[in-house]
Amino acid sequence: MKTTFDTHTIELNPSDDGYNAIINGKTVNVQIVRAANGCMDLLIDGQRITAYVSSDMAKRWVTVDGGTSMLTKTSGAKQGVRHDHAGGLIAPMPGQIRSVSVGVGDAVKKGQTLLTMEAMKMEIRIQALKDGVVKSVSVAQGQTVEREQILIEMED
């Protein structure tokens, strides 16, 4: 996913232990330690950072060390159309995981329900968009998730 953060373009790609962010040609490792209620504790190349995120569904504002910057999505799927991103299935909205039906290494078929979540009193089924193998499961039953949080990563 490519994002514009003020005047900088950031490319964010899933990695084995979090994400690799490419900022102005430099690659840094980003791990999400905790994310809840608009607050994220991150490890960026081993340094702990707390970021506060707010959104109006079109734009996001990120506050770190008292400075606020606007985040704009510059590429990727249209909002609400697909729930995949760079090999990962993402939460379409904030909610709670009700069940996880697969584990790492499981072979899945297109259309198979991988997990269910509840959001706004609705049950949402996250399904495989193609045949593949589950690379990682980032959530557990009962966990609360944020919009666009990666839930499951797939590989061919």
C-alpha atoms as a PDB file:
ATOM      1  CA  MET A   1       0.000   0.000   0.000  1.00  0.00           C
ATOM      2  CA  LYS A   2       1.275   3.459  -0.845  1.00  0.00           C
ATOM      3  CA  THR A   3       0.348   6.351   1.385  1.00  0.00           C
ATOM      4  CA  THR A   4       1.200  10.037   1.341  1.00  0.00           C
ATOM      5  CA  PHE A   5       2.119  11.341   4.771  1.00  0.00           C
ATOM      6  CA  ASP A   6       2.318  15.137   4.473  1.00  0.00           C
ATOM      7  CA  THR A   7       4.881  15.427   1.641  1.00  0.00           C
ATOM      8  CA  HIS A   8       6.436  11.953   2.011  1.00  0.00           C
ATOM      9  CA  THR A   9       5.273   8.832   0.194  1.00  0.00           C
ATOM     10  CA  ILE A  10       5.366   5.685   2.317  1.00  0.00           C
ATOM     11  CA  GLU A  11       5.085   2.203   0.867  1.00  0.00           C
ATOM     12  CA  LEU A  12       3.990  -0.367   3.439  1.00  0.00           C
ATOM     13  CA  ASN A  13       4.456  -4.098   2.796  1.00  0.00           C
ATOM     14  CA  PRO A  14       3.767  -7.039   5.139  1.00  0.00           C
ATOM     15  CA  SER A  15       6.856  -8.879   6.414  1.00  0.00           C
ATOM     16  CA  ASP A  16       7.400 -11.915   8.639  1.00  0.00           C
ATOM     17  CA  ASP A  17       7.525  -9.811  11.823  1.00  0.00           C
ATOM     18  CA  GLY A  18       5.290  -6.852  10.937  1.00  0.00           C
ATOM     19  CA  TYR A  19       5.752  -4.499   8.006  1.00  0.00           C
ATOM     20  CA  ASN A  20       8.526  -3.008   5.949  1.00  0.00           C
ATOM     21  CA  ALA A  21       7.992   0.692   5.322  1.00  0.00           C
ATOM     22  CA  ILE A  22       9.883   2.384   2.516  1.00  0.00           C
ATOM     23  CA  ILE A  23      10.175   6.101   3.248  1.00  0.00           C
ATOM     24  CA  ASN A  24      12.165   8.282   0.848  1.00  0.00           C
ATOM     25  CA  GLY A  25      14.051   5.202  -0.373  1.00  0.00           C
ATOM     26  CA  LYS A  26      14.972   3.997   3.132  1.00  0.00           C
ATOM     27  CA  THR A  27      13.457   0.731   4.445  1.00  0.00           C
ATOM     28  CA  VAL A  28      12.470   0.502   8.113  1.00  0.00           C
ATOM     29  CA  ASN A  29      10.847  -2.335  10.040  1.00  0.00           C
ATOM     30  CA  VAL A  30       7.520  -1.522  11.706  1.00  0.00           C
ATOM     31  CA  GLN A  31       5.836  -3.789  14.249  1.00  0.00           C
ATOM     32  CA  ILE A  32       2.441  -3.107  15.791  1.00  0.00           C
ATOM     33  CA  VAL A  33       2.768  -3.826  19.505  1.00  0.00           C
ATOM     34  CA  ARG A  34      -0.779  -2.765  20.425  1.00  0.00           C
ATOM     35  CA  ALA A  35      -3.644  -1.069  18.609  1.00  0.00           C
ATOM     36  CA  ALA A  36      -6.855  -0.057  20.379  1.00  0.00           C
ATOM     37  CA  ASN A  37      -9.238   2.892  20.409  1.00  0.00           C
ATOM     38  CA  GLY A  38      -7.194   5.066  18.056  1.00  0.00           C
ATOM     39  CA  CYS A  39      -3.896   4.515  19.886  1.00  0.00           C
ATOM     40  CA  MET A  40      -1.075   2.462  18.378  1.00  0.00           C
ATOM     41  CA  ASP A  41       2.151   1.409  20.056  1.00  0.00           C
ATOM     42  CA  LEU A  42       4.709   0.714  17.347  1.00  0.00           C
ATOM     43  CA  LEU A  43       8.289  -0.518  17.201  1.00  0.00           C
ATOM     44  CA  ILE A  44      10.019   1.293  14.354  1.00  0.00           C
ATOM     45  CA  ASP A  45      13.470  -0.207  13.836  1.00  0.00           C
ATOM     46  CA  GLY A  46      13.376  -1.217  17.504  1.00  0.00           C
ATOM     47  CA  GLN A  47      12.346   2.224  18.843  1.00  0.00           C
ATOM     48  CA  ARG A  48       8.961   2.354  20.618  1.00  0.00           C
ATOM     49  CA  ILE A  49       6.614   5.053  19.292  1.00  0.00           C
ATOM     50  CA  THR A  50       3.043   5.854  20.340  1.00  0.00           C
ATOM     51  CA  ALA A  51       0.782   7.211  17.615  1.00  0.00           C
ATOM     52  CA  TYR A  52      -2.773   8.457  17.898  1.00  0.00           C
ATOM     53  CA  VAL A  53      -4.964   8.011  14.821  1.00  0.00           C
ATOM     54  CA  SER A  54      -8.295   9.639  14.029  1.00  0.00           C
ATOM     55  CA  SER A  55     -10.371   9.392  10.867  1.00  0.00           C
ATOM     56  CA  ASP A  56     -13.424  10.816   9.158  1.00  0.00           C
ATOM     57  CA  MET A  57     -13.564   7.742   6.843  1.00  0.00           C
ATOM     58  CA  ALA A  58     -11.935   9.713   3.981  1.00  0.00           C
ATOM     59  CA  LYS A  59      -8.790  11.060   5.670  1.00  0.00           C
ATOM     60  CA  ARG A  60      -6.676  10.058   8.640  1.00  0.00           C
ATOM     61  CA  TRP A  61      -4.712  12.179  11.029  1.00  0.00           C
ATOM     62  CA  VAL A  62      -1.743  10.738  12.903  1.00  0.00           C
ATOM     63  CA  THR A  63      -0.299  12.445  15.977  1.00  0.00           C
ATOM     64  CA  VAL A  64       3.203  11.516  17.180  1.00  0.00           C
ATOM     65  CA  ASP A  65       5.133  13.521  19.799  1.00  0.00           C
ATOM     66  CA  GLY A  66       2.575  16.344  19.675  1.00  0.00           C
ATOM     67  CA  GLY A  67       2.794  16.825  15.891  1.00  0.00           C
ATOM     68  CA  THR A  68      -0.178  15.912  13.706  1.00  0.00           C
ATOM     69  CA  SER A  69       0.060  14.899  10.044  1.00  0.00           C
ATOM     70  CA  MET A  70      -2.624  13.955   7.527  1.00  0.00           C
ATOM     71  CA  LEU A  71      -2.416  10.524   5.912  1.00  0.00           C
ATOM     72  CA  THR A  72      -3.851  10.030   2.408  1.00  0.00           C
ATOM     73  CA  LYS A  73      -4.153   6.666   0.637  1.00  0.00           C
ATOM     74  CA  THR A  74      -2.587   7.015  -2.823  1.00  0.00           C
ATOM     75  CA  SER A  75      -3.081   3.506  -4.184  1.00  0.00           C
ATOM     76  CA  GLY A  76      -4.858   0.256  -3.486  1.00  0.00           C
ATOM     77  CA  ALA A  77      -8.370  -1.111  -3.785  1.00  0.00           C
ATOM     78  CA  LYS A  78     -11.405   1.147  -3.671  1.00  0.00           C
ATOM     79  CA  GLN A  79     -12.903   1.630  -0.223  1.00  0.00           C
ATOM     80  CA  GLY A  80     -15.402  -1.079   0.658  1.00  0.00           C
ATOM     81  CA  VAL A  81     -14.940  -3.102  -2.516  1.00  0.00           C
ATOM     82  CA  ARG A  82     -12.376  -5.708  -1.483  1.00  0.00           C
ATOM     83  CA  HIS A  83     -10.979  -6.875   1.803  1.00  0.00           C
ATOM     84  CA  ASP A  84      -7.538  -7.907   0.588  1.00  0.00           C
ATOM     85  CA  HIS A  85      -4.343  -5.928   0.619  1.00  0.00           C
ATOM     86  CA  ALA A  86      -0.864  -7.068  -0.436  1.00  0.00           C
ATOM     87  CA  GLY A  87      -1.729 -10.717   0.233  1.00  0.00           C
ATOM     88  CA  GLY A  88      -3.500  -9.950   3.504  1.00  0.00           C
ATOM     89  CA  LEU A  89      -7.210  -9.983   4.236  1.00  0.00           C
ATOM     90  CA  ILE A  90      -8.156  -6.853   6.152  1.00  0.00           C
ATOM     91  CA  ALA A  91     -11.005  -5.808   8.426  1.00  0.00           C
ATOM     92  CA  PRO A  92     -13.570  -3.782   6.475  1.00  0.00           C
ATOM     93  CA  MET A  93     -14.559  -1.885   9.646  1.00  0.00           C
ATOM     94  CA  PRO A  94     -13.871  -1.941  13.387  1.00  0.00           C
ATOM     95  CA  GLY A  95     -15.361  -4.968  15.089  1.00  0.00           C
ATOM     96  CA  GLN A  96     -14.799  -8.100  17.134  1.00  0.00           C
ATOM     97  CA  ILE A  97     -13.563 -11.471  15.883  1.00  0.00           C
ATOM     98  CA  ARG A  98     -16.252 -14.096  16.581  1.00  0.00           C
ATOM     99  CA  SER A  99     -14.538 -17.169  15.097  1.00  0.00           C
ATOM    100  CA  VAL A 100     -11.389 -18.161  13.219  1.00  0.00           C
ATOM    101  CA  SER A 101     -11.865 -21.209  10.991  1.00  0.00           C
ATOM    102  CA  VAL A 102      -8.316 -21.684   9.646  1.00  0.00           C
ATOM    103  CA  GLY A 103      -4.755 -21.958  10.862  1.00  0.00           C
ATOM    104  CA  VAL A 104      -1.291 -21.334   9.442  1.00  0.00           C
ATOM    105  CA  GLY A 105      -0.499 -23.764   6.625  1.00  0.00           C
ATOM    106  CA  ASP A 106      -4.121 -24.604   5.821  1.00  0.00           C
ATOM    107  CA  ALA A 107      -4.986 -24.863   2.134  1.00  0.00           C
ATOM    108  CA  VAL A 108      -8.144 -22.889   1.340  1.00  0.00           C
ATOM    109  CA  LYS A 109     -10.433 -22.546  -1.659  1.00  0.00           C
ATOM    110  CA  LYS A 110     -11.831 -19.371  -3.159  1.00  0.00           C
ATOM    111  CA  GLY A 111     -15.014 -18.382  -1.299  1.00  0.00           C
ATOM    112  CA  GLN A 112     -14.206 -20.402   1.838  1.00  0.00           C
ATOM    113  CA  THR A 113     -15.018 -18.547   5.081  1.00  0.00           C
ATOM    114  CA  LEU A 114     -11.775 -17.961   6.966  1.00  0.00           C
ATOM    115  CA  LEU A 115     -13.182 -16.045   9.917  1.00  0.00           C
ATOM    116  CA  THR A 116     -16.269 -14.204  11.049  1.00  0.00           C
ATOM    117  CA  MET A 117     -16.415 -10.885  12.797  1.00  0.00           C
ATOM    118  CA  GLU A 118     -19.178  -8.793  14.284  1.00  0.00           C
ATOM    119  CA  ALA A 119     -19.423  -5.088  13.544  1.00  0.00           C
ATOM    120  CA  MET A 120     -22.369  -2.773  14.116  1.00  0.00           C
ATOM    121  CA  LYS A 121     -24.543  -5.783  15.079  1.00  0.00           C
ATOM    122  CA  MET A 122     -23.809  -7.460  11.725  1.00  0.00           C
ATOM    123  CA  GLU A 123     -21.969 -10.706  11.106  1.00  0.00           C
ATOM    124  CA  ILE A 124     -19.256 -10.280   8.486  1.00  0.00           C
ATOM    125  CA  ARG A 125     -17.668 -13.324   6.851  1.00  0.00           C
ATOM    126  CA  ILE A 126     -14.116 -12.829   5.625  1.00  0.00           C
ATOM    127  CA  GLN A 127     -13.666 -15.248   2.733  1.00  0.00           C
ATOM    128  CA  ALA A 128     -10.726 -16.346   0.624  1.00  0.00           C
ATOM    129  CA  LEU A 129     -10.624 -14.356  -2.603  1.00  0.00           C
ATOM    130  CA  LYS A 130      -8.667 -17.128  -4.350  1.00  0.00           C
ATOM    131  CA  ASP A 131      -7.235 -20.580  -3.723  1.00  0.00           C
ATOM    132  CA  GLY A 132      -4.123 -20.480  -1.556  1.00  0.00           C
ATOM    133  CA  VAL A 133      -2.395 -21.310   1.707  1.00  0.00           C
ATOM    134  CA  VAL A 134      -2.755 -19.412   4.986  1.00  0.00           C
ATOM    135  CA  LYS A 135       0.587 -17.718   5.671  1.00  0.00           C
ATOM    136  CA  SER A 136      -0.361 -16.114   9.005  1.00  0.00           C
ATOM    137  CA  VAL A 137      -3.351 -15.503  11.255  1.00  0.00           C
ATOM    138  CA  SER A 138      -3.000 -12.195  13.104  1.00  0.00           C
ATOM    139  CA  VAL A 139      -6.170 -12.338  15.216  1.00  0.00           C
ATOM    140  CA  ALA A 140      -7.927 -14.612  17.707  1.00  0.00           C
ATOM    141  CA  GLN A 141     -11.528 -15.180  18.753  1.00  0.00           C
ATOM    142  CA  GLY A 142     -12.784 -12.343  20.958  1.00  0.00           C
ATOM    143  CA  GLN A 143     -10.159  -9.855  19.794  1.00  0.00           C
ATOM    144  CA  THR A 144     -11.256  -6.347  18.834  1.00  0.00           C
ATOM    145  CA  VAL A 145      -9.888  -5.128  15.496  1.00  0.00           C
ATOM    146  CA  GLU A 146      -9.633  -1.760  13.778  1.00  0.00           C
ATOM    147  CA  ARG A 147     -10.654  -0.920  10.219  1.00  0.00           C
ATOM    148  CA  GLU A 148      -8.024  -2.079   7.672  1.00  0.00           C
ATOM    149  CA  GLN A 149      -6.148  -4.154  10.252  1.00  0.00           C
ATOM    150  CA  ILE A 150      -4.644  -7.247   8.611  1.00  0.00           C
ATOM    151  CA  LEU A 151      -6.503 -10.342   9.798  1.00  0.00           C
ATOM    152  CA  ILE A 152      -5.051 -13.194   7.725  1.00  0.00           C
ATOM    153  CA  GLU A 153      -2.220 -13.322   5.204  1.00  0.00           C
ATOM    154  CA  MET A 154      -2.409 -15.674   2.229  1.00  0.00           C
ATOM    155  CA  GLU A 155       0.086 -16.975  -0.282  1.00  0.00           C
ATOM    156  CA  ASP A 156      -0.369 -18.865  -3.547  1.00  0.00           C
END
